Amino acid sequence: MLLLLLLQVLASCLWLGRSEVVTSFQSCLRFFFRETPPNDVLKPNNPAWICQLYNNEYHFATLYNRDLRIPVYSAYTYKPRKGPRPHIWMIEPQLIGSNYSKTMMKEDDLMSTFNVTLEEIKNSQAISQDYRNLKGLHSCRLNPSVHQPDDMSREATFTLTNIVPQNAKLNVGAWKNYVETTMTNKTKGCTTTYVVVGTVPGNNYIASGRVNVPSYIWSSACCEMGKKQMKAWAVIAENDKNAVQLLTLGDLEDRLTELYGEGKVSLFHSDCPR
């Protein structure tokens, strides 16, 4: 028993990927404009606040819906740079229980190291099997790897707590155009761009009802331009159509207020222009 404990401690020291599940974003507030996350209107009944750590560095923040097994939103700073697309999927062991490591790791590594069963993992979050053999849907990373500056940051986006099922035509069509082209144009002149990308839960599921298919996917950005100048923009897309609607930040907040029906939504600190 002592030997097993020592091996677990040693393994946790050797892992490069670390992801911290916490009760707030205190450790990763720098990914939010004025260190202010969206208000609690978006908070689900069974939330997990995840400061996404990888290679001993925070890369972004995610509010995760444990019941629907999808992220509510992911927040990051926009720093695009060309690089290879990672081919790895990881999960969050700490979603299984607070006594588990904070390490972001692959399913097989978790099961072999800690003697965790696949069923235990499935009870806490989405797994890679949930996204296999999708029909008319693709796995969509809310924080896309193409918005990240280096290999480690891109790899960190490939955690299953950062993805949702997205309409396939939207994923390779209008949404891709927004992520790769519109964002490039919109961020010209920006010194720092804070981004929050999120979902509105839907009525459909994949993986035999395990993982929710969002009815809408949305994105919002707050841009600092220097000399106290700022600008903001947002988009929303119905997750069954290949179309993205460009909005003001205020219009998106109003739309989400209506869609959620739980009170007034605020995505950024009030200094960000609506």
C-alpha atoms as a PDB file:
ATOM      1  CA  MET A   1       0.000   0.000   0.000  1.00  0.00           C
ATOM      2  CA  LEU A   2       2.839   2.370   0.903  1.00  0.00           C
ATOM      3  CA  LEU A   3       4.589   1.540  -2.356  1.00  0.00           C
ATOM      4  CA  LEU A   4       1.439   2.365  -4.349  1.00  0.00           C
ATOM      5  CA  LEU A   5       1.129   5.719  -2.560  1.00  0.00           C
ATOM      6  CA  LEU A   6       4.756   6.570  -3.304  1.00  0.00           C
ATOM      7  CA  LEU A   7       4.277   5.676  -6.960  1.00  0.00           C
ATOM      8  CA  GLN A   8       1.213   7.929  -7.168  1.00  0.00           C
ATOM      9  CA  VAL A   9       3.110  10.848  -5.640  1.00  0.00           C
ATOM     10  CA  LEU A  10       6.030  10.299  -8.004  1.00  0.00           C
ATOM     11  CA  ALA A  11       3.715  10.129 -11.005  1.00  0.00           C
ATOM     12  CA  SER A  12       1.985  13.360 -10.055  1.00  0.00           C
ATOM     13  CA  CYS A  13       5.373  15.090  -9.928  1.00  0.00           C
ATOM     14  CA  LEU A  14       6.312  13.855 -13.400  1.00  0.00           C
ATOM     15  CA  TRP A  15       3.112  14.871 -15.234  1.00  0.00           C
ATOM     16  CA  LEU A  16       3.484  17.980 -17.332  1.00  0.00           C
ATOM     17  CA  GLY A  17      -0.221  18.751 -17.682  1.00  0.00           C
ATOM     18  CA  ARG A  18      -2.021  20.159 -14.671  1.00  0.00           C
ATOM     19  CA  SER A  19      -5.577  21.458 -14.485  1.00  0.00           C
ATOM     20  CA  GLU A  20      -7.053  22.933 -11.336  1.00  0.00           C
ATOM     21  CA  VAL A  21     -10.734  22.511 -10.434  1.00  0.00           C
ATOM     22  CA  VAL A  22     -11.663  25.105  -7.821  1.00  0.00           C
ATOM     23  CA  THR A  23     -14.671  26.856  -6.284  1.00  0.00           C
ATOM     24  CA  SER A  24     -13.855  30.157  -7.989  1.00  0.00           C
ATOM     25  CA  PHE A  25     -11.520  31.576 -10.633  1.00  0.00           C
ATOM     26  CA  GLN A  26      -9.242  33.220  -8.061  1.00  0.00           C
ATOM     27  CA  SER A  27      -6.124  31.577  -9.509  1.00  0.00           C
ATOM     28  CA  CYS A  28      -6.856  32.515 -13.129  1.00  0.00           C
ATOM     29  CA  LEU A  29      -8.664  35.858 -13.037  1.00  0.00           C
ATOM     30  CA  ARG A  30      -6.151  37.311 -15.496  1.00  0.00           C
ATOM     31  CA  PHE A  31      -8.127  35.748 -18.341  1.00  0.00           C
ATOM     32  CA  PHE A  32     -11.075  38.039 -17.581  1.00  0.00           C
ATOM     33  CA  PHE A  33     -11.217  41.768 -18.362  1.00  0.00           C
ATOM     34  CA  ARG A  34     -10.655  43.706 -15.133  1.00  0.00           C
ATOM     35  CA  GLU A  35     -10.437  40.260 -13.464  1.00  0.00           C
ATOM     36  CA  THR A  36     -14.249  40.062 -13.616  1.00  0.00           C
ATOM     37  CA  PRO A  37     -15.872  36.784 -14.769  1.00  0.00           C
ATOM     38  CA  PRO A  38     -19.454  36.675 -16.121  1.00  0.00           C
ATOM     39  CA  ASN A  39     -22.070  37.020 -13.406  1.00  0.00           C
ATOM     40  CA  ASP A  40     -23.770  34.063 -11.736  1.00  0.00           C
ATOM     41  CA  VAL A  41     -26.793  34.045 -14.049  1.00  0.00           C
ATOM     42  CA  LEU A  42     -24.899  31.569 -16.252  1.00  0.00           C
ATOM     43  CA  LYS A  43     -23.891  29.344 -13.322  1.00  0.00           C
ATOM     44  CA  PRO A  44     -25.483  25.865 -13.629  1.00  0.00           C
ATOM     45  CA  ASN A  45     -26.911  23.827 -10.769  1.00  0.00           C
ATOM     46  CA  ASN A  46     -23.842  21.610 -10.566  1.00  0.00           C
ATOM     47  CA  PRO A  47     -20.852  23.729 -11.609  1.00  0.00           C
ATOM     48  CA  ALA A  48     -17.084  23.227 -11.660  1.00  0.00           C
ATOM     49  CA  TRP A  49     -14.751  26.197 -11.955  1.00  0.00           C
ATOM     50  CA  ILE A  50     -11.627  25.030 -13.780  1.00  0.00           C
ATOM     51  CA  CYS A  51      -8.370  26.966 -13.989  1.00  0.00           C
ATOM     52  CA  GLN A  52      -6.819  25.117 -16.907  1.00  0.00           C
ATOM     53  CA  LEU A  53      -3.206  24.405 -15.991  1.00  0.00           C
ATOM     54  CA  TYR A  54      -0.803  22.712 -18.357  1.00  0.00           C
ATOM     55  CA  ASN A  55       2.975  22.425 -18.133  1.00  0.00           C
ATOM     56  CA  ASN A  56       2.835  24.371 -14.848  1.00  0.00           C
ATOM     57  CA  GLU A  57       1.169  27.379 -16.483  1.00  0.00           C
ATOM     58  CA  TYR A  58      -2.423  28.607 -16.559  1.00  0.00           C
ATOM     59  CA  HIS A  59      -3.776  28.882 -20.113  1.00  0.00           C
ATOM     60  CA  PHE A  60      -7.501  29.662 -19.756  1.00  0.00           C
ATOM     61  CA  ALA A  61     -10.536  29.287 -17.498  1.00  0.00           C
ATOM     62  CA  THR A  62     -13.673  27.148 -17.897  1.00  0.00           C
ATOM     63  CA  LEU A  63     -17.008  27.027 -16.097  1.00  0.00           C
ATOM     64  CA  TYR A  64     -18.180  23.428 -16.544  1.00  0.00           C
ATOM     65  CA  ASN A  65     -21.704  22.011 -16.245  1.00  0.00           C
ATOM     66  CA  ARG A  66     -21.258  18.635 -14.527  1.00  0.00           C
ATOM     67  CA  ASP A  67     -24.844  17.535 -15.203  1.00  0.00           C
ATOM     68  CA  LEU A  68     -24.911  18.276 -18.950  1.00  0.00           C
ATOM     69  CA  ARG A  69     -21.212  17.377 -19.379  1.00  0.00           C
ATOM     70  CA  ILE A  70     -20.413  20.479 -21.441  1.00  0.00           C
ATOM     71  CA  PRO A  71     -18.691  23.777 -20.651  1.00  0.00           C
ATOM     72  CA  VAL A  72     -20.890  26.784 -19.918  1.00  0.00           C
ATOM     73  CA  TYR A  73     -18.081  28.990 -21.197  1.00  0.00           C
ATOM     74  CA  SER A  74     -14.329  29.219 -21.601  1.00  0.00           C
ATOM     75  CA  ALA A  75     -12.400  32.478 -21.142  1.00  0.00           C
ATOM     76  CA  TYR A  76      -8.978  33.301 -22.561  1.00  0.00           C
ATOM     77  CA  THR A  77      -6.845  36.046 -24.073  1.00  0.00           C
ATOM     78  CA  TYR A  78      -6.519  36.084 -27.848  1.00  0.00           C
ATOM     79  CA  LYS A  79      -2.898  35.507 -28.950  1.00  0.00           C
ATOM     80  CA  PRO A  80      -3.010  33.651 -32.284  1.00  0.00           C
ATOM     81  CA  ARG A  81       0.097  32.185 -33.828  1.00  0.00           C
ATOM     82  CA  LYS A  82       0.432  29.485 -36.478  1.00  0.00           C
ATOM     83  CA  GLY A  83       1.471  26.043 -35.322  1.00  0.00           C
ATOM     84  CA  PRO A  84       0.613  22.327 -35.530  1.00  0.00           C
ATOM     85  CA  ARG A  85      -2.804  21.080 -34.456  1.00  0.00           C
ATOM     86  CA  PRO A  86      -2.519  18.751 -31.436  1.00  0.00           C
ATOM     87  CA  HIS A  87      -3.919  15.221 -31.615  1.00  0.00           C
ATOM     88  CA  ILE A  88      -4.640  14.454 -27.986  1.00  0.00           C
ATOM     89  CA  TRP A  89      -7.724  14.446 -25.744  1.00  0.00           C
ATOM     90  CA  MET A  90      -7.465  14.849 -21.989  1.00  0.00           C
ATOM     91  CA  ILE A  91      -9.841  14.811 -19.030  1.00  0.00           C
ATOM     92  CA  GLU A  92      -9.995  16.280 -15.521  1.00  0.00           C
ATOM     93  CA  PRO A  93      -9.366  13.680 -12.781  1.00  0.00           C
ATOM     94  CA  GLN A  94     -10.449  16.074 -10.025  1.00  0.00           C
ATOM     95  CA  LEU A  95     -13.986  16.068 -11.392  1.00  0.00           C
ATOM     96  CA  ILE A  96     -14.200  12.474 -10.122  1.00  0.00           C
ATOM     97  CA  GLY A  97     -13.452  13.607  -6.577  1.00  0.00           C
ATOM     98  CA  SER A  98     -11.507  16.251  -4.681  1.00  0.00           C
ATOM     99  CA  ASN A  99      -9.032  13.620  -3.489  1.00  0.00           C
ATOM    100  CA  TYR A 100      -7.787  13.039  -7.029  1.00  0.00           C
ATOM    101  CA  SER A 101      -4.870  14.804  -8.654  1.00  0.00           C
ATOM    102  CA  LYS A 102      -5.313  18.191 -10.314  1.00  0.00           C
ATOM    103  CA  THR A 103      -3.468  16.822 -13.317  1.00  0.00           C
ATOM    104  CA  MET A 104      -5.030  17.058 -16.760  1.00  0.00           C
ATOM    105  CA  MET A 105      -4.327  13.665 -18.339  1.00  0.00           C
ATOM    106  CA  LYS A 106      -5.443  11.028 -20.807  1.00  0.00           C
ATOM    107  CA  GLU A 107      -8.111   8.521 -19.816  1.00  0.00           C
ATOM    108  CA  ASP A 108      -5.846   5.465 -20.144  1.00  0.00           C
ATOM    109  CA  ASP A 109      -3.160   7.078 -17.984  1.00  0.00           C
ATOM    110  CA  LEU A 110      -5.677   7.895 -15.268  1.00  0.00           C
ATOM    111  CA  MET A 111      -7.120   4.384 -15.229  1.00  0.00           C
ATOM    112  CA  SER A 112      -3.743   2.624 -15.153  1.00  0.00           C
ATOM    113  CA  THR A 113      -2.136   4.912 -12.571  1.00  0.00           C
ATOM    114  CA  PHE A 114      -4.970   5.298 -10.063  1.00  0.00           C
ATOM    115  CA  ASN A 115      -6.950   2.131 -10.807  1.00  0.00           C
ATOM    116  CA  VAL A 116      -9.954   4.258 -11.787  1.00  0.00           C
ATOM    117  CA  THR A 117     -12.643   2.624 -13.926  1.00  0.00           C
ATOM    118  CA  LEU A 118     -14.061   4.115 -17.105  1.00  0.00           C
ATOM    119  CA  GLU A 119     -17.469   4.172 -15.421  1.00  0.00           C
ATOM    120  CA  GLU A 120     -16.119   6.398 -12.644  1.00  0.00           C
ATOM    121  CA  ILE A 121     -14.770   8.801 -15.237  1.00  0.00           C
ATOM    122  CA  LYS A 122     -18.026   8.730 -17.222  1.00  0.00           C
ATOM    123  CA  ASN A 123     -20.043   9.629 -14.130  1.00  0.00           C
ATOM    124  CA  SER A 124     -18.086  12.864 -13.706  1.00  0.00           C
ATOM    125  CA  GLN A 125     -17.592  14.227 -17.227  1.00  0.00           C
ATOM    126  CA  ALA A 126     -17.619  13.587 -20.968  1.00  0.00           C
ATOM    127  CA  ILE A 127     -15.110  11.078 -22.315  1.00  0.00           C
ATOM    128  CA  SER A 128     -13.580  10.679 -25.761  1.00  0.00           C
ATOM    129  CA  GLN A 129     -15.929   7.805 -26.611  1.00  0.00           C
ATOM    130  CA  ASP A 130     -18.898  10.189 -26.327  1.00  0.00           C
ATOM    131  CA  TYR A 131     -17.631  12.095 -29.373  1.00  0.00           C
ATOM    132  CA  ARG A 132     -17.003   9.110 -31.642  1.00  0.00           C
ATOM    133  CA  ASN A 133     -19.219   8.323 -34.640  1.00  0.00           C
ATOM    134  CA  LEU A 134     -21.076  11.632 -34.488  1.00  0.00           C
ATOM    135  CA  LYS A 135     -23.699  12.197 -37.178  1.00  0.00           C
ATOM    136  CA  GLY A 136     -24.029  15.757 -38.427  1.00  0.00           C
ATOM    137  CA  LEU A 137     -21.984  17.050 -35.489  1.00  0.00           C
ATOM    138  CA  HIS A 138     -18.340  17.889 -34.809  1.00  0.00           C
ATOM    139  CA  SER A 139     -16.475  18.409 -31.549  1.00  0.00           C
ATOM    140  CA  CYS A 140     -16.018  22.173 -31.140  1.00  0.00           C
ATOM    141  CA  ARG A 141     -13.453  23.696 -28.785  1.00  0.00           C
ATOM    142  CA  LEU A 142     -14.832  26.867 -27.223  1.00  0.00           C
ATOM    143  CA  ASN A 143     -11.262  28.059 -26.747  1.00  0.00           C
ATOM    144  CA  PRO A 144      -9.844  27.138 -30.171  1.00  0.00           C
ATOM    145  CA  SER A 145      -6.207  26.105 -30.496  1.00  0.00           C
ATOM    146  CA  VAL A 146      -5.697  28.571 -33.375  1.00  0.00           C
ATOM    147  CA  HIS A 147      -6.180  31.440 -30.908  1.00  0.00           C
ATOM    148  CA  GLN A 148      -3.209  30.275 -28.817  1.00  0.00           C
ATOM    149  CA  PRO A 149       0.449  31.376 -29.111  1.00  0.00           C
ATOM    150  CA  ASP A 150       2.466  28.167 -28.639  1.00  0.00           C
ATOM    151  CA  ASP A 151       2.394  24.367 -28.654  1.00  0.00           C
ATOM    152  CA  MET A 152       1.631  23.986 -24.951  1.00  0.00           C
ATOM    153  CA  SER A 153      -1.236  26.490 -25.060  1.00  0.00           C
ATOM    154  CA  ARG A 154      -2.712  24.727 -28.081  1.00  0.00           C
ATOM    155  CA  GLU A 155      -2.456  21.319 -26.393  1.00  0.00           C
ATOM    156  CA  ALA A 156      -4.173  22.697 -23.294  1.00  0.00           C
ATOM    157  CA  THR A 157      -7.324  23.430 -25.329  1.00  0.00           C
ATOM    158  CA  PHE A 158      -7.730  19.709 -26.050  1.00  0.00           C
ATOM    159  CA  THR A 159      -9.449  18.878 -22.792  1.00  0.00           C
ATOM    160  CA  LEU A 160     -12.960  17.448 -22.971  1.00  0.00           C
ATOM    161  CA  THR A 161     -14.113  20.138 -20.538  1.00  0.00           C
ATOM    162  CA  ASN A 162     -13.545  22.676 -23.347  1.00  0.00           C
ATOM    163  CA  ILE A 163     -15.601  21.054 -26.122  1.00  0.00           C
ATOM    164  CA  VAL A 164     -19.241  20.786 -27.159  1.00  0.00           C
ATOM    165  CA  PRO A 165     -21.107  19.019 -29.988  1.00  0.00           C
ATOM    166  CA  GLN A 166     -21.488  21.565 -32.798  1.00  0.00           C
ATOM    167  CA  ASN A 167     -23.403  21.349 -36.061  1.00  0.00           C
ATOM    168  CA  ALA A 168     -20.878  20.026 -38.602  1.00  0.00           C
ATOM    169  CA  LYS A 169     -21.693  22.553 -41.333  1.00  0.00           C
ATOM    170  CA  LEU A 170     -21.478  25.413 -38.846  1.00  0.00           C
ATOM    171  CA  ASN A 171     -18.180  24.092 -37.489  1.00  0.00           C
ATOM    172  CA  VAL A 172     -16.426  24.109 -40.863  1.00  0.00           C
ATOM    173  CA  GLY A 173     -18.415  27.015 -42.268  1.00  0.00           C
ATOM    174  CA  ALA A 174     -19.614  30.234 -40.660  1.00  0.00           C
ATOM    175  CA  TRP A 175     -18.144  29.521 -37.211  1.00  0.00           C
ATOM    176  CA  LYS A 176     -14.720  28.710 -38.648  1.00  0.00           C
ATOM    177  CA  ASN A 177     -14.878  31.910 -40.686  1.00  0.00           C
ATOM    178  CA  TYR A 178     -15.587  33.898 -37.521  1.00  0.00           C
ATOM    179  CA  VAL A 179     -12.816  32.200 -35.536  1.00  0.00           C
ATOM    180  CA  GLU A 180     -10.151  32.509 -38.220  1.00  0.00           C
ATOM    181  CA  THR A 181     -11.093  35.557 -40.310  1.00  0.00           C
ATOM    182  CA  THR A 182     -13.510  37.869 -38.487  1.00  0.00           C
ATOM    183  CA  MET A 183     -11.513  37.712 -35.254  1.00  0.00           C
ATOM    184  CA  THR A 184      -8.337  38.608 -37.147  1.00  0.00           C
ATOM    185  CA  ASN A 185     -10.007  41.654 -38.657  1.00  0.00           C
ATOM    186  CA  LYS A 186     -11.811  42.713 -35.485  1.00  0.00           C
ATOM    187  CA  THR A 187      -8.679  42.591 -33.322  1.00  0.00           C
ATOM    188  CA  LYS A 188      -6.598  44.910 -35.472  1.00  0.00           C
ATOM    189  CA  GLY A 189      -5.303  47.678 -33.237  1.00  0.00           C
ATOM    190  CA  CYS A 190      -5.985  45.708 -30.040  1.00  0.00           C
ATOM    191  CA  THR A 191      -3.217  45.412 -27.462  1.00  0.00           C
ATOM    192  CA  THR A 192      -5.114  42.838 -25.361  1.00  0.00           C
ATOM    193  CA  THR A 193      -8.305  41.041 -26.327  1.00  0.00           C
ATOM    194  CA  TYR A 194     -10.297  39.155 -23.675  1.00  0.00           C
ATOM    195  CA  VAL A 195     -12.618  36.482 -25.024  1.00  0.00           C
ATOM    196  CA  VAL A 196     -15.500  34.559 -23.446  1.00  0.00           C
ATOM    197  CA  VAL A 197     -17.068  31.821 -25.590  1.00  0.00           C
ATOM    198  CA  GLY A 198     -20.085  29.920 -24.340  1.00  0.00           C
ATOM    199  CA  THR A 199     -23.202  27.875 -24.900  1.00  0.00           C
ATOM    200  CA  VAL A 200     -26.932  27.797 -24.287  1.00  0.00           C
ATOM    201  CA  PRO A 201     -28.136  24.288 -23.339  1.00  0.00           C
ATOM    202  CA  GLY A 202     -30.426  22.538 -25.807  1.00  0.00           C
ATOM    203  CA  ASN A 203     -32.983  19.737 -25.809  1.00  0.00           C
ATOM    204  CA  ASN A 204     -30.895  17.179 -27.704  1.00  0.00           C
ATOM    205  CA  TYR A 205     -28.134  14.857 -26.523  1.00  0.00           C
ATOM    206  CA  ILE A 206     -25.423  12.567 -27.823  1.00  0.00           C
ATOM    207  CA  ALA A 207     -23.920   9.435 -26.280  1.00  0.00           C
ATOM    208  CA  SER A 208     -27.275   7.982 -25.176  1.00  0.00           C
ATOM    209  CA  GLY A 209     -28.303  11.140 -23.359  1.00  0.00           C
ATOM    210  CA  ARG A 210     -24.991  11.729 -21.606  1.00  0.00           C
ATOM    211  CA  VAL A 211     -23.788  14.913 -23.337  1.00  0.00           C
ATOM    212  CA  ASN A 212     -25.988  17.904 -24.135  1.00  0.00           C
ATOM    213  CA  VAL A 213     -26.034  19.436 -27.607  1.00  0.00           C
ATOM    214  CA  PRO A 214     -26.227  23.235 -27.135  1.00  0.00           C
ATOM    215  CA  SER A 215     -29.025  25.107 -28.858  1.00  0.00           C
ATOM    216  CA  TYR A 216     -26.761  28.143 -29.341  1.00  0.00           C
ATOM    217  CA  ILE A 217     -23.038  28.838 -29.307  1.00  0.00           C
ATOM    218  CA  TRP A 218     -21.859  32.380 -28.724  1.00  0.00           C
ATOM    219  CA  SER A 219     -18.646  34.382 -28.465  1.00  0.00           C
ATOM    220  CA  SER A 220     -17.834  37.785 -27.006  1.00  0.00           C
ATOM    221  CA  ALA A 221     -14.690  39.917 -26.992  1.00  0.00           C
ATOM    222  CA  CYS A 222     -13.470  42.994 -25.122  1.00  0.00           C
ATOM    223  CA  CYS A 223     -10.499  44.767 -26.712  1.00  0.00           C
ATOM    224  CA  GLU A 224      -8.076  47.219 -25.105  1.00  0.00           C
ATOM    225  CA  MET A 225      -6.513  49.546 -27.677  1.00  0.00           C
ATOM    226  CA  GLY A 226      -4.283  51.815 -25.608  1.00  0.00           C
ATOM    227  CA  LYS A 227      -4.843  55.423 -24.491  1.00  0.00           C
ATOM    228  CA  LYS A 228      -7.944  54.173 -22.646  1.00  0.00           C
ATOM    229  CA  GLN A 229      -9.641  53.315 -25.938  1.00  0.00           C
ATOM    230  CA  MET A 230     -11.721  50.165 -26.081  1.00  0.00           C
ATOM    231  CA  LYS A 231     -14.105  48.271 -28.305  1.00  0.00           C
ATOM    232  CA  ALA A 232     -16.229  45.141 -28.008  1.00  0.00           C
ATOM    233  CA  TRP A 233     -18.191  42.783 -30.233  1.00  0.00           C
ATOM    234  CA  ALA A 234     -20.052  39.481 -30.071  1.00  0.00           C
ATOM    235  CA  VAL A 235     -21.664  36.772 -32.171  1.00  0.00           C
ATOM    236  CA  ILE A 236     -24.277  34.078 -31.665  1.00  0.00           C
ATOM    237  CA  ALA A 237     -25.113  31.045 -33.789  1.00  0.00           C
ATOM    238  CA  GLU A 238     -28.031  28.639 -33.692  1.00  0.00           C
ATOM    239  CA  ASN A 239     -26.535  25.175 -33.468  1.00  0.00           C
ATOM    240  CA  ASP A 240     -28.587  23.753 -36.319  1.00  0.00           C
ATOM    241  CA  LYS A 241     -27.778  26.356 -38.978  1.00  0.00           C
ATOM    242  CA  ASN A 242     -24.636  27.452 -40.819  1.00  0.00           C
ATOM    243  CA  ALA A 243     -24.910  31.133 -39.888  1.00  0.00           C
ATOM    244  CA  VAL A 244     -23.296  33.501 -37.388  1.00  0.00           C
ATOM    245  CA  GLN A 245     -24.974  36.749 -36.319  1.00  0.00           C
ATOM    246  CA  LEU A 246     -22.671  39.654 -35.458  1.00  0.00           C
ATOM    247  CA  LEU A 247     -23.886  41.672 -32.457  1.00  0.00           C
ATOM    248  CA  THR A 248     -22.825  44.336 -30.032  1.00  0.00           C
ATOM    249  CA  LEU A 249     -21.810  43.057 -26.609  1.00  0.00           C
ATOM    250  CA  GLY A 250     -24.940  44.614 -25.124  1.00  0.00           C
ATOM    251  CA  ASP A 251     -27.159  42.896 -27.692  1.00  0.00           C
ATOM    252  CA  LEU A 252     -25.620  39.500 -26.893  1.00  0.00           C
ATOM    253  CA  GLU A 253     -26.121  40.012 -23.164  1.00  0.00           C
ATOM    254  CA  ASP A 254     -29.765  40.905 -23.807  1.00  0.00           C
ATOM    255  CA  ARG A 255     -30.185  37.835 -25.993  1.00  0.00           C
ATOM    256  CA  LEU A 256     -28.647  35.542 -23.376  1.00  0.00           C
ATOM    257  CA  THR A 257     -30.811  37.151 -20.687  1.00  0.00           C
ATOM    258  CA  GLU A 258     -33.838  36.142 -22.734  1.00  0.00           C
ATOM    259  CA  LEU A 259     -32.583  32.655 -23.580  1.00  0.00           C
ATOM    260  CA  TYR A 260     -31.539  31.752 -20.041  1.00  0.00           C
ATOM    261  CA  GLY A 261     -34.506  33.445 -18.353  1.00  0.00           C
ATOM    262  CA  GLU A 262     -32.718  33.640 -14.999  1.00  0.00           C
ATOM    263  CA  GLY A 263     -31.932  37.352 -14.787  1.00  0.00           C
ATOM    264  CA  LYS A 264     -29.745  39.967 -16.447  1.00  0.00           C
ATOM    265  CA  VAL A 265     -26.587  38.478 -17.993  1.00  0.00           C
ATOM    266  CA  SER A 266     -23.290  40.357 -17.719  1.00  0.00           C
ATOM    267  CA  LEU A 267     -20.288  38.888 -19.532  1.00  0.00           C
ATOM    268  CA  PHE A 268     -17.635  41.546 -18.813  1.00  0.00           C
ATOM    269  CA  HIS A 269     -16.791  44.285 -16.327  1.00  0.00           C
ATOM    270  CA  SER A 270     -18.946  47.388 -16.874  1.00  0.00           C
ATOM    271  CA  ASP A 271     -15.947  49.297 -18.338  1.00  0.00           C
ATOM    272  CA  CYS A 272     -16.218  47.219 -21.497  1.00  0.00           C
ATOM    273  CA  PRO A 273     -18.391  49.145 -23.986  1.00  0.00           C
ATOM    274  CA  ARG A 274     -21.836  47.743 -24.729  1.00  0.00           C
END
